[in-house]
Amino acid sequence: MLHNRFQKMHPRVLCLYFAGVLLVPMLTLHPAFLGVSLAAALGTHVLLRGGRATGRMLCGILPAMLLIVGMNLLFQHAGVTLLWYLPNGNPVTREAILYGAATAGMFAATVLWAACYQEVVTAEKFWDLLRGKLPAFSLLWVLALRFVPRFHRRMRRIAAAQAQIGRGTEVGSPRLRLQNGVRVFSIAMTWALEDGIITADSMRSRGYGAGPRSRFSRYRWGGRERAMVFGLLLLLGGVLAAALCGAMRAVYYPAIRFAVSPMLYVGGACYGAFCAFPLLLAGGERIRWRKLRFEN
């Protein structure tokens, strides 16, 4: 119940939040910011999906992280701190390992934040965000997002139906299976095109795009939302100030050099508070619930 308040927030607040948490780790490889981003992404994913789902996702991310570190170790030999030599004679340097670890951390944080975004910002919220200014684009975007999973489900249904009449894609010679697969794809594509024509006729008959029209929104934009946006923008301003001062700069080759200045702590604190926004919101909600239970 604690994450429902975050999920039900206004789409503008959610999009601003995820834009900030996704852009910062992509723009810097400073270990302080990457560590904050990764820890907050793990906490937010646990809050939204639960510990078991987060564990399953980490089992898929960790091999990719090890692969990134290993590939950088094998193919990048720059750096001044030599550790050992590979059997083929190429050197392994500390800088290459740390750069690979930083890249793997950026990859893990980005994947976790993207999973949180997918869980919170649904197609309905994205449509609600854009349909006031770009109604045609928002409708087209929502239809495109819905097309892939719907097309996949229809492919599975058609393949199951074809298998019942002896035209499955898992039995027979390779040529026969290819023919059956092409038939399944052709049927699914025809179905999708017909569905697109029906959707277009339905929207045209409802007068969509005929002119100015009123719209209904489930999300309220008020003083609380304005205060949240102002606070998030203020924290992003602190991160931007740290970036402009060079506090987020990290150099790995040929020698490791990290920027250390008072603005690093200011930017790190602002970014940490920014990333911990849903966790702080859930913590405040828990305290409020406990207070109400104690009073009753």
C-alpha atoms as a PDB file:
ATOM      1  CA  MET A   1       0.000   0.000   0.000  1.00  0.00           C
ATOM      2  CA  LEU A   2       2.906   2.368   0.642  1.00  0.00           C
ATOM      3  CA  HIS A   3       3.901   2.698  -3.011  1.00  0.00           C
ATOM      4  CA  ASN A   4       0.376   3.480  -4.237  1.00  0.00           C
ATOM      5  CA  ARG A   5       0.772   7.167  -3.453  1.00  0.00           C
ATOM      6  CA  PHE A   6       3.867   7.389  -5.637  1.00  0.00           C
ATOM      7  CA  GLN A   7       2.247   5.454  -8.471  1.00  0.00           C
ATOM      8  CA  LYS A   8      -0.877   7.613  -8.393  1.00  0.00           C
ATOM      9  CA  MET A   9       0.971  10.908  -8.592  1.00  0.00           C
ATOM     10  CA  HIS A  10       0.518  13.319 -11.476  1.00  0.00           C
ATOM     11  CA  PRO A  11       2.298  12.210 -14.689  1.00  0.00           C
ATOM     12  CA  ARG A  12       4.241  15.490 -14.873  1.00  0.00           C
ATOM     13  CA  VAL A  13       5.855  14.833 -11.501  1.00  0.00           C
ATOM     14  CA  LEU A  14       6.652  11.232 -12.403  1.00  0.00           C
ATOM     15  CA  CYS A  15       8.146  12.100 -15.794  1.00  0.00           C
ATOM     16  CA  LEU A  16      10.300  14.843 -14.268  1.00  0.00           C
ATOM     17  CA  TYR A  17      11.541  12.433 -11.606  1.00  0.00           C
ATOM     18  CA  PHE A  18      12.457   9.621 -13.979  1.00  0.00           C
ATOM     19  CA  ALA A  19      14.046  12.023 -16.455  1.00  0.00           C
ATOM     20  CA  GLY A  20      16.379  13.197 -13.693  1.00  0.00           C
ATOM     21  CA  VAL A  21      17.303   9.796 -12.303  1.00  0.00           C
ATOM     22  CA  LEU A  22      17.909   8.365 -15.779  1.00  0.00           C
ATOM     23  CA  LEU A  23      19.949  11.218 -17.233  1.00  0.00           C
ATOM     24  CA  VAL A  24      22.462  11.750 -14.412  1.00  0.00           C
ATOM     25  CA  PRO A  25      24.039   8.240 -14.421  1.00  0.00           C
ATOM     26  CA  MET A  26      24.204   8.398 -18.229  1.00  0.00           C
ATOM     27  CA  LEU A  27      26.176  11.669 -18.130  1.00  0.00           C
ATOM     28  CA  THR A  28      28.772  10.854 -15.464  1.00  0.00           C
ATOM     29  CA  LEU A  29      30.832   7.877 -14.343  1.00  0.00           C
ATOM     30  CA  HIS A  30      31.717   9.330 -10.979  1.00  0.00           C
ATOM     31  CA  PRO A  31      31.487   6.468  -8.462  1.00  0.00           C
ATOM     32  CA  ALA A  32      29.703   8.612  -5.868  1.00  0.00           C
ATOM     33  CA  PHE A  33      26.797   9.426  -8.180  1.00  0.00           C
ATOM     34  CA  LEU A  34      26.697   5.914  -9.622  1.00  0.00           C
ATOM     35  CA  GLY A  35      26.578   4.404  -6.138  1.00  0.00           C
ATOM     36  CA  VAL A  36      23.765   6.719  -5.054  1.00  0.00           C
ATOM     37  CA  SER A  37      21.821   5.996  -8.240  1.00  0.00           C
ATOM     38  CA  LEU A  38      22.249   2.223  -7.974  1.00  0.00           C
ATOM     39  CA  ALA A  39      21.288   2.089  -4.285  1.00  0.00           C
ATOM     40  CA  ALA A  40      18.208   4.270  -4.823  1.00  0.00           C
ATOM     41  CA  ALA A  41      17.198   2.240  -7.894  1.00  0.00           C
ATOM     42  CA  LEU A  42      17.385  -0.987  -5.871  1.00  0.00           C
ATOM     43  CA  GLY A  43      15.341   0.507  -3.044  1.00  0.00           C
ATOM     44  CA  THR A  44      12.712   1.917  -5.409  1.00  0.00           C
ATOM     45  CA  HIS A  45      12.429  -1.375  -7.310  1.00  0.00           C
ATOM     46  CA  VAL A  46      11.954  -3.272  -4.037  1.00  0.00           C
ATOM     47  CA  LEU A  47       9.298  -0.753  -3.022  1.00  0.00           C
ATOM     48  CA  LEU A  48       7.405  -1.129  -6.304  1.00  0.00           C
ATOM     49  CA  ARG A  49       7.849  -4.816  -7.139  1.00  0.00           C
ATOM     50  CA  GLY A  50       8.975  -6.507  -3.932  1.00  0.00           C
ATOM     51  CA  GLY A  51      12.215  -8.172  -2.912  1.00  0.00           C
ATOM     52  CA  ARG A  52      11.603 -11.405  -4.812  1.00  0.00           C
ATOM     53  CA  ALA A  53      11.078  -9.654  -8.159  1.00  0.00           C
ATOM     54  CA  THR A  54      14.138  -7.484  -7.530  1.00  0.00           C
ATOM     55  CA  GLY A  55      16.208 -10.590  -6.783  1.00  0.00           C
ATOM     56  CA  ARG A  56      15.113 -12.219 -10.032  1.00  0.00           C
ATOM     57  CA  MET A  57      16.020  -9.083 -11.950  1.00  0.00           C
ATOM     58  CA  LEU A  58      19.428  -8.906 -10.301  1.00  0.00           C
ATOM     59  CA  CYS A  59      20.077 -12.495 -11.350  1.00  0.00           C
ATOM     60  CA  GLY A  60      19.658 -11.322 -14.944  1.00  0.00           C
ATOM     61  CA  ILE A  61      21.645  -8.097 -14.532  1.00  0.00           C
ATOM     62  CA  LEU A  62      24.706  -9.480 -12.710  1.00  0.00           C
ATOM     63  CA  PRO A  63      25.896 -11.721 -15.606  1.00  0.00           C
ATOM     64  CA  ALA A  64      25.645  -8.743 -17.959  1.00  0.00           C
ATOM     65  CA  MET A  65      27.663  -6.612 -15.516  1.00  0.00           C
ATOM     66  CA  LEU A  66      30.373  -9.279 -15.259  1.00  0.00           C
ATOM     67  CA  LEU A  67      30.431  -9.514 -19.055  1.00  0.00           C
ATOM     68  CA  ILE A  68      30.939  -5.743 -19.341  1.00  0.00           C
ATOM     69  CA  VAL A  69      33.821  -5.812 -16.864  1.00  0.00           C
ATOM     70  CA  GLY A  70      35.368  -8.857 -18.556  1.00  0.00           C
ATOM     71  CA  MET A  71      35.122  -7.406 -22.068  1.00  0.00           C
ATOM     72  CA  ASN A  72      36.711  -4.144 -20.935  1.00  0.00           C
ATOM     73  CA  LEU A  73      39.461  -6.070 -19.155  1.00  0.00           C
ATOM     74  CA  LEU A  74      40.218  -8.135 -22.259  1.00  0.00           C
ATOM     75  CA  PHE A  75      40.128  -5.415 -24.903  1.00  0.00           C
ATOM     76  CA  GLN A  76      41.159  -2.239 -23.058  1.00  0.00           C
ATOM     77  CA  HIS A  77      44.781  -2.167 -21.943  1.00  0.00           C
ATOM     78  CA  ALA A  78      45.290   1.529 -21.221  1.00  0.00           C
ATOM     79  CA  GLY A  79      46.223   2.648 -17.741  1.00  0.00           C
ATOM     80  CA  VAL A  80      49.359   3.206 -15.714  1.00  0.00           C
ATOM     81  CA  THR A  81      48.761   0.680 -12.901  1.00  0.00           C
ATOM     82  CA  LEU A  82      49.724  -2.762 -14.196  1.00  0.00           C
ATOM     83  CA  LEU A  83      48.260  -5.718 -12.294  1.00  0.00           C
ATOM     84  CA  TRP A  84      49.152  -8.821 -14.343  1.00  0.00           C
ATOM     85  CA  TYR A  85      49.506 -10.116 -17.884  1.00  0.00           C
ATOM     86  CA  LEU A  86      47.037 -12.237 -19.820  1.00  0.00           C
ATOM     87  CA  PRO A  87      48.197 -15.499 -21.469  1.00  0.00           C
ATOM     88  CA  ASN A  88      48.403 -13.685 -24.819  1.00  0.00           C
ATOM     89  CA  GLY A  89      50.739 -11.079 -23.318  1.00  0.00           C
ATOM     90  CA  ASN A  90      48.285  -8.192 -23.041  1.00  0.00           C
ATOM     91  CA  PRO A  91      48.430  -6.263 -19.762  1.00  0.00           C
ATOM     92  CA  VAL A  92      45.567  -5.955 -17.291  1.00  0.00           C
ATOM     93  CA  THR A  93      45.406  -2.568 -15.579  1.00  0.00           C
ATOM     94  CA  ARG A  94      43.533  -1.312 -12.555  1.00  0.00           C
ATOM     95  CA  GLU A  95      42.094   1.547 -14.592  1.00  0.00           C
ATOM     96  CA  ALA A  96      40.529  -0.844 -17.103  1.00  0.00           C
ATOM     97  CA  ILE A  97      38.883  -2.876 -14.345  1.00  0.00           C
ATOM     98  CA  LEU A  98      37.517   0.184 -12.544  1.00  0.00           C
ATOM     99  CA  TYR A  99      36.261   1.733 -15.782  1.00  0.00           C
ATOM    100  CA  GLY A 100      34.481  -1.529 -16.625  1.00  0.00           C
ATOM    101  CA  ALA A 101      32.986  -1.631 -13.124  1.00  0.00           C
ATOM    102  CA  ALA A 102      31.747   1.961 -13.478  1.00  0.00           C
ATOM    103  CA  THR A 103      30.215   1.190 -16.876  1.00  0.00           C
ATOM    104  CA  ALA A 104      28.550  -1.927 -15.460  1.00  0.00           C
ATOM    105  CA  GLY A 105      27.165   0.115 -12.559  1.00  0.00           C
ATOM    106  CA  MET A 106      25.759   2.685 -14.984  1.00  0.00           C
ATOM    107  CA  PHE A 107      24.169  -0.138 -16.997  1.00  0.00           C
ATOM    108  CA  ALA A 108      22.603  -1.727 -13.895  1.00  0.00           C
ATOM    109  CA  ALA A 109      21.257   1.583 -12.589  1.00  0.00           C
ATOM    110  CA  THR A 110      19.774   2.477 -15.978  1.00  0.00           C
ATOM    111  CA  VAL A 111      18.060  -0.916 -16.331  1.00  0.00           C
ATOM    112  CA  LEU A 112      16.620  -0.756 -12.814  1.00  0.00           C
ATOM    113  CA  TRP A 113      15.343   2.794 -13.280  1.00  0.00           C
ATOM    114  CA  ALA A 114      13.829   1.833 -16.634  1.00  0.00           C
ATOM    115  CA  ALA A 115      12.028  -1.085 -14.944  1.00  0.00           C
ATOM    116  CA  CYS A 116      10.693   1.287 -12.280  1.00  0.00           C
ATOM    117  CA  TYR A 117       9.567   3.704 -14.989  1.00  0.00           C
ATOM    118  CA  GLN A 118       7.728   0.925 -16.809  1.00  0.00           C
ATOM    119  CA  GLU A 119       5.999  -0.044 -13.567  1.00  0.00           C
ATOM    120  CA  VAL A 120       4.876   3.487 -12.683  1.00  0.00           C
ATOM    121  CA  VAL A 121       4.430   5.502 -15.898  1.00  0.00           C
ATOM    122  CA  THR A 122       1.807   3.542 -17.784  1.00  0.00           C
ATOM    123  CA  ALA A 123       0.613   4.251 -21.315  1.00  0.00           C
ATOM    124  CA  GLU A 124      -2.481   5.913 -19.858  1.00  0.00           C
ATOM    125  CA  LYS A 125      -0.359   8.380 -17.857  1.00  0.00           C
ATOM    126  CA  PHE A 126       1.839   9.154 -20.844  1.00  0.00           C
ATOM    127  CA  TRP A 127      -1.248   9.769 -22.961  1.00  0.00           C
ATOM    128  CA  ASP A 128      -2.706  12.026 -20.274  1.00  0.00           C
ATOM    129  CA  LEU A 129       0.541  14.002 -20.223  1.00  0.00           C
ATOM    130  CA  LEU A 130       0.659  14.713 -23.975  1.00  0.00           C
ATOM    131  CA  ARG A 131      -2.889  14.638 -25.242  1.00  0.00           C
ATOM    132  CA  GLY A 132      -3.572  18.242 -24.222  1.00  0.00           C
ATOM    133  CA  LYS A 133      -0.776  19.600 -26.461  1.00  0.00           C
ATOM    134  CA  LEU A 134      -0.142  16.770 -28.942  1.00  0.00           C
ATOM    135  CA  PRO A 135      -3.322  14.695 -29.177  1.00  0.00           C
ATOM    136  CA  ALA A 136      -2.477  12.937 -32.455  1.00  0.00           C
ATOM    137  CA  PHE A 137       1.073  12.061 -31.377  1.00  0.00           C
ATOM    138  CA  SER A 138      -0.054  10.856 -27.944  1.00  0.00           C
ATOM    139  CA  LEU A 139      -2.680   8.567 -29.493  1.00  0.00           C
ATOM    140  CA  LEU A 140      -0.187   7.206 -32.021  1.00  0.00           C
ATOM    141  CA  TRP A 141       2.399   6.608 -29.264  1.00  0.00           C
ATOM    142  CA  VAL A 142      -0.070   4.736 -27.057  1.00  0.00           C
ATOM    143  CA  LEU A 143      -1.172   2.577 -29.973  1.00  0.00           C
ATOM    144  CA  ALA A 144       2.459   1.808 -30.806  1.00  0.00           C
ATOM    145  CA  LEU A 145       3.206   0.837 -27.201  1.00  0.00           C
ATOM    146  CA  ARG A 146       0.170  -1.413 -27.141  1.00  0.00           C
ATOM    147  CA  PHE A 147       0.932  -2.991 -30.508  1.00  0.00           C
ATOM    148  CA  VAL A 148       4.003  -5.060 -29.538  1.00  0.00           C
ATOM    149  CA  PRO A 149       2.592  -7.026 -26.561  1.00  0.00           C
ATOM    150  CA  ARG A 150      -0.773  -7.416 -28.270  1.00  0.00           C
ATOM    151  CA  PHE A 151       0.847  -8.674 -31.468  1.00  0.00           C
ATOM    152  CA  HIS A 152       2.924 -11.145 -29.429  1.00  0.00           C
ATOM    153  CA  ARG A 153      -0.164 -12.520 -27.670  1.00  0.00           C
ATOM    154  CA  ARG A 154      -1.976 -12.920 -30.981  1.00  0.00           C
ATOM    155  CA  MET A 155       1.002 -14.710 -32.482  1.00  0.00           C
ATOM    156  CA  ARG A 156       0.913 -17.215 -29.628  1.00  0.00           C
ATOM    157  CA  ARG A 157      -2.838 -17.766 -30.009  1.00  0.00           C
ATOM    158  CA  ILE A 158      -2.559 -18.251 -33.760  1.00  0.00           C
ATOM    159  CA  ALA A 159       0.397 -20.616 -33.387  1.00  0.00           C
ATOM    160  CA  ALA A 160      -1.522 -22.690 -30.843  1.00  0.00           C
ATOM    161  CA  ALA A 161      -4.547 -22.854 -33.143  1.00  0.00           C
ATOM    162  CA  GLN A 162      -2.412 -23.836 -36.152  1.00  0.00           C
ATOM    163  CA  ALA A 163      -0.691 -26.538 -34.106  1.00  0.00           C
ATOM    164  CA  GLN A 164      -4.048 -28.166 -33.417  1.00  0.00           C
ATOM    165  CA  ILE A 165      -4.580 -28.784 -37.144  1.00  0.00           C
ATOM    166  CA  GLY A 166      -1.085 -30.114 -37.762  1.00  0.00           C
ATOM    167  CA  ARG A 167       0.567 -26.861 -38.870  1.00  0.00           C
ATOM    168  CA  GLY A 168       2.728 -26.196 -35.811  1.00  0.00           C
ATOM    169  CA  THR A 169       6.126 -24.534 -35.897  1.00  0.00           C
ATOM    170  CA  GLU A 170       7.829 -27.126 -33.691  1.00  0.00           C
ATOM    171  CA  VAL A 171       7.322 -30.344 -35.694  1.00  0.00           C
ATOM    172  CA  GLY A 172       8.289 -31.431 -39.174  1.00  0.00           C
ATOM    173  CA  SER A 173      11.195 -30.607 -41.413  1.00  0.00           C
ATOM    174  CA  PRO A 174      12.930 -27.214 -41.202  1.00  0.00           C
ATOM    175  CA  ARG A 175      11.310 -26.130 -44.454  1.00  0.00           C
ATOM    176  CA  LEU A 176       7.832 -27.095 -43.214  1.00  0.00           C
ATOM    177  CA  ARG A 177       8.357 -25.320 -39.908  1.00  0.00           C
ATOM    178  CA  LEU A 178       9.507 -22.200 -41.766  1.00  0.00           C
ATOM    179  CA  GLN A 179       6.403 -22.286 -43.962  1.00  0.00           C
ATOM    180  CA  ASN A 180       4.164 -22.694 -40.916  1.00  0.00           C
ATOM    181  CA  GLY A 181       5.945 -19.810 -39.162  1.00  0.00           C
ATOM    182  CA  VAL A 182       5.468 -17.552 -42.187  1.00  0.00           C
ATOM    183  CA  ARG A 183       1.779 -18.487 -42.247  1.00  0.00           C
ATOM    184  CA  VAL A 184       1.369 -17.632 -38.560  1.00  0.00           C
ATOM    185  CA  PHE A 185       3.108 -14.275 -39.051  1.00  0.00           C
ATOM    186  CA  SER A 186       0.983 -13.493 -42.108  1.00  0.00           C
ATOM    187  CA  ILE A 187      -2.243 -14.217 -40.239  1.00  0.00           C
ATOM    188  CA  ALA A 188      -1.153 -12.108 -37.261  1.00  0.00           C
ATOM    189  CA  MET A 189      -0.124  -9.188 -39.507  1.00  0.00           C
ATOM    190  CA  THR A 190      -3.449  -9.318 -41.389  1.00  0.00           C
ATOM    191  CA  TRP A 191      -5.277  -9.302 -38.071  1.00  0.00           C
ATOM    192  CA  ALA A 192      -3.242  -6.301 -36.889  1.00  0.00           C
ATOM    193  CA  LEU A 193      -3.926  -4.325 -40.090  1.00  0.00           C
ATOM    194  CA  GLU A 194      -7.641  -5.004 -39.850  1.00  0.00           C
ATOM    195  CA  ASP A 195      -7.587  -3.947 -36.203  1.00  0.00           C
ATOM    196  CA  GLY A 196      -5.811  -0.713 -37.187  1.00  0.00           C
ATOM    197  CA  ILE A 197      -8.483   0.097 -39.783  1.00  0.00           C
ATOM    198  CA  ILE A 198     -11.243  -0.568 -37.250  1.00  0.00           C
ATOM    199  CA  THR A 199      -9.518   1.646 -34.663  1.00  0.00           C
ATOM    200  CA  ALA A 200      -9.088   4.483 -37.169  1.00  0.00           C
ATOM    201  CA  ASP A 201     -12.761   4.302 -38.214  1.00  0.00           C
ATOM    202  CA  SER A 202     -13.839   4.232 -34.567  1.00  0.00           C
ATOM    203  CA  MET A 203     -11.782   7.321 -33.661  1.00  0.00           C
ATOM    204  CA  ARG A 204     -12.992   9.172 -36.755  1.00  0.00           C
ATOM    205  CA  SER A 205     -16.627   8.389 -35.946  1.00  0.00           C
ATOM    206  CA  ARG A 206     -16.089   9.785 -32.447  1.00  0.00           C
ATOM    207  CA  GLY A 207     -14.811  13.053 -33.886  1.00  0.00           C
ATOM    208  CA  TYR A 208     -11.234  12.664 -32.731  1.00  0.00           C
ATOM    209  CA  GLY A 209      -9.057  15.403 -34.213  1.00  0.00           C
ATOM    210  CA  ALA A 210     -12.038  17.344 -35.607  1.00  0.00           C
ATOM    211  CA  GLY A 211     -11.242  20.434 -33.526  1.00  0.00           C
ATOM    212  CA  PRO A 212     -10.882  21.765 -29.990  1.00  0.00           C
ATOM    213  CA  ARG A 213     -12.473  19.515 -27.424  1.00  0.00           C
ATOM    214  CA  SER A 214     -12.607  19.135 -23.677  1.00  0.00           C
ATOM    215  CA  ARG A 215     -10.824  16.271 -21.981  1.00  0.00           C
ATOM    216  CA  PHE A 216     -11.101  14.377 -18.737  1.00  0.00           C
ATOM    217  CA  SER A 217      -8.102  13.695 -16.523  1.00  0.00           C
ATOM    218  CA  ARG A 218      -7.938  11.407 -13.518  1.00  0.00           C
ATOM    219  CA  TYR A 219      -4.963  13.283 -12.118  1.00  0.00           C
ATOM    220  CA  ARG A 220      -5.328  16.496 -10.166  1.00  0.00           C
ATOM    221  CA  TRP A 221      -2.831  19.330 -10.604  1.00  0.00           C
ATOM    222  CA  GLY A 222      -2.778  21.471  -7.493  1.00  0.00           C
ATOM    223  CA  GLY A 223      -0.562  23.125  -4.939  1.00  0.00           C
ATOM    224  CA  ARG A 224       0.959  19.871  -3.685  1.00  0.00           C
ATOM    225  CA  GLU A 225       2.048  18.888  -7.183  1.00  0.00           C
ATOM    226  CA  ARG A 226       3.509  22.338  -7.804  1.00  0.00           C
ATOM    227  CA  ALA A 227       5.467  22.110  -4.559  1.00  0.00           C
ATOM    228  CA  MET A 228       6.814  18.681  -5.538  1.00  0.00           C
ATOM    229  CA  VAL A 229       7.894  19.903  -8.977  1.00  0.00           C
ATOM    230  CA  PHE A 230       9.546  22.963  -7.421  1.00  0.00           C
ATOM    231  CA  GLY A 231      11.427  20.796  -4.916  1.00  0.00           C
ATOM    232  CA  LEU A 232      12.593  18.343  -7.580  1.00  0.00           C
ATOM    233  CA  LEU A 233      13.730  21.180  -9.848  1.00  0.00           C
ATOM    234  CA  LEU A 234      15.593  22.759  -6.937  1.00  0.00           C
ATOM    235  CA  LEU A 235      17.453  19.486  -6.279  1.00  0.00           C
ATOM    236  CA  LEU A 236      18.236  19.127  -9.985  1.00  0.00           C
ATOM    237  CA  GLY A 237      19.575  22.673  -9.901  1.00  0.00           C
ATOM    238  CA  GLY A 238      22.030  21.604  -7.198  1.00  0.00           C
ATOM    239  CA  VAL A 239      23.171  18.674  -9.342  1.00  0.00           C
ATOM    240  CA  LEU A 240      23.531  20.964 -12.370  1.00  0.00           C
ATOM    241  CA  ALA A 241      25.590  23.428 -10.336  1.00  0.00           C
ATOM    242  CA  ALA A 242      27.919  20.611  -9.276  1.00  0.00           C
ATOM    243  CA  ALA A 243      28.264  19.507 -12.889  1.00  0.00           C
ATOM    244  CA  LEU A 244      29.065  23.037 -14.086  1.00  0.00           C
ATOM    245  CA  CYS A 245      31.728  23.345 -11.376  1.00  0.00           C
ATOM    246  CA  GLY A 246      33.366  20.136 -12.572  1.00  0.00           C
ATOM    247  CA  ALA A 247      32.570  18.218  -9.380  1.00  0.00           C
ATOM    248  CA  MET A 248      31.063  15.298 -11.322  1.00  0.00           C
ATOM    249  CA  ARG A 249      34.098  14.774 -13.551  1.00  0.00           C
ATOM    250  CA  ALA A 250      35.744  11.352 -13.417  1.00  0.00           C
ATOM    251  CA  VAL A 251      38.832  10.388 -15.443  1.00  0.00           C
ATOM    252  CA  TYR A 252      39.939   6.753 -15.676  1.00  0.00           C
ATOM    253  CA  TYR A 253      42.642   6.866 -18.379  1.00  0.00           C
ATOM    254  CA  PRO A 254      45.585   7.000 -18.232  1.00  0.00           C
ATOM    255  CA  ALA A 255      45.349   7.480 -14.451  1.00  0.00           C
ATOM    256  CA  ILE A 256      42.328   7.630 -12.161  1.00  0.00           C
ATOM    257  CA  ARG A 257      41.368  11.144 -11.120  1.00  0.00           C
ATOM    258  CA  PHE A 258      38.119  12.001  -9.375  1.00  0.00           C
ATOM    259  CA  ALA A 259      37.013  15.536  -8.687  1.00  0.00           C
ATOM    260  CA  VAL A 260      36.909  16.267  -4.945  1.00  0.00           C
ATOM    261  CA  SER A 261      35.450  19.613  -3.902  1.00  0.00           C
ATOM    262  CA  PRO A 262      32.705  20.992  -1.643  1.00  0.00           C
ATOM    263  CA  MET A 263      30.361  21.052  -4.647  1.00  0.00           C
ATOM    264  CA  LEU A 264      30.754  17.283  -4.931  1.00  0.00           C
ATOM    265  CA  TYR A 265      29.063  16.868  -1.559  1.00  0.00           C
ATOM    266  CA  VAL A 266      26.394  19.413  -2.461  1.00  0.00           C
ATOM    267  CA  GLY A 267      25.646  17.696  -5.772  1.00  0.00           C
ATOM    268  CA  GLY A 268      25.751  14.222  -4.212  1.00  0.00           C
ATOM    269  CA  ALA A 269      23.358  15.251  -1.425  1.00  0.00           C
ATOM    270  CA  CYS A 270      20.960  16.875  -3.898  1.00  0.00           C
ATOM    271  CA  TYR A 271      21.025  13.885  -6.205  1.00  0.00           C
ATOM    272  CA  GLY A 272      20.623  11.470  -3.292  1.00  0.00           C
ATOM    273  CA  ALA A 273      17.569  13.357  -2.028  1.00  0.00           C
ATOM    274  CA  PHE A 274      16.211  13.491  -5.569  1.00  0.00           C
ATOM    275  CA  CYS A 275      16.617   9.732  -6.106  1.00  0.00           C
ATOM    276  CA  ALA A 276      15.202   8.904  -2.673  1.00  0.00           C
ATOM    277  CA  PHE A 277      11.979  10.826  -3.381  1.00  0.00           C
ATOM    278  CA  PRO A 278       9.700   7.735  -3.569  1.00  0.00           C
ATOM    279  CA  LEU A 279      11.427   6.163  -0.559  1.00  0.00           C
ATOM    280  CA  LEU A 280      10.965   9.338   1.479  1.00  0.00           C
ATOM    281  CA  LEU A 281       7.362   9.493   0.340  1.00  0.00           C
ATOM    282  CA  ALA A 282       6.793   5.891   1.440  1.00  0.00           C
ATOM    283  CA  GLY A 283       8.543   6.559   4.755  1.00  0.00           C
ATOM    284  CA  GLY A 284       6.313   9.558   5.437  1.00  0.00           C
ATOM    285  CA  GLU A 285       3.271   7.479   4.574  1.00  0.00           C
ATOM    286  CA  ARG A 286       4.354   4.740   6.996  1.00  0.00           C
ATOM    287  CA  ILE A 287       4.869   7.266   9.793  1.00  0.00           C
ATOM    288  CA  ARG A 288       1.439   8.760   9.113  1.00  0.00           C
ATOM    289  CA  TRP A 289      -0.240   5.346   9.217  1.00  0.00           C
ATOM    290  CA  ARG A 290       1.467   4.436  12.478  1.00  0.00           C
ATOM    291  CA  LYS A 291       0.414   7.744  13.989  1.00  0.00           C
ATOM    292  CA  LEU A 292      -3.214   7.174  12.983  1.00  0.00           C
ATOM    293  CA  ARG A 293      -3.156   3.647  14.420  1.00  0.00           C
ATOM    294  CA  PHE A 294      -1.677   4.939  17.673  1.00  0.00           C
ATOM    295  CA  GLU A 295      -4.329   7.662  17.962  1.00  0.00           C
ATOM    296  CA  ASN A 296      -7.135   5.176  17.334  1.00  0.00           C
END
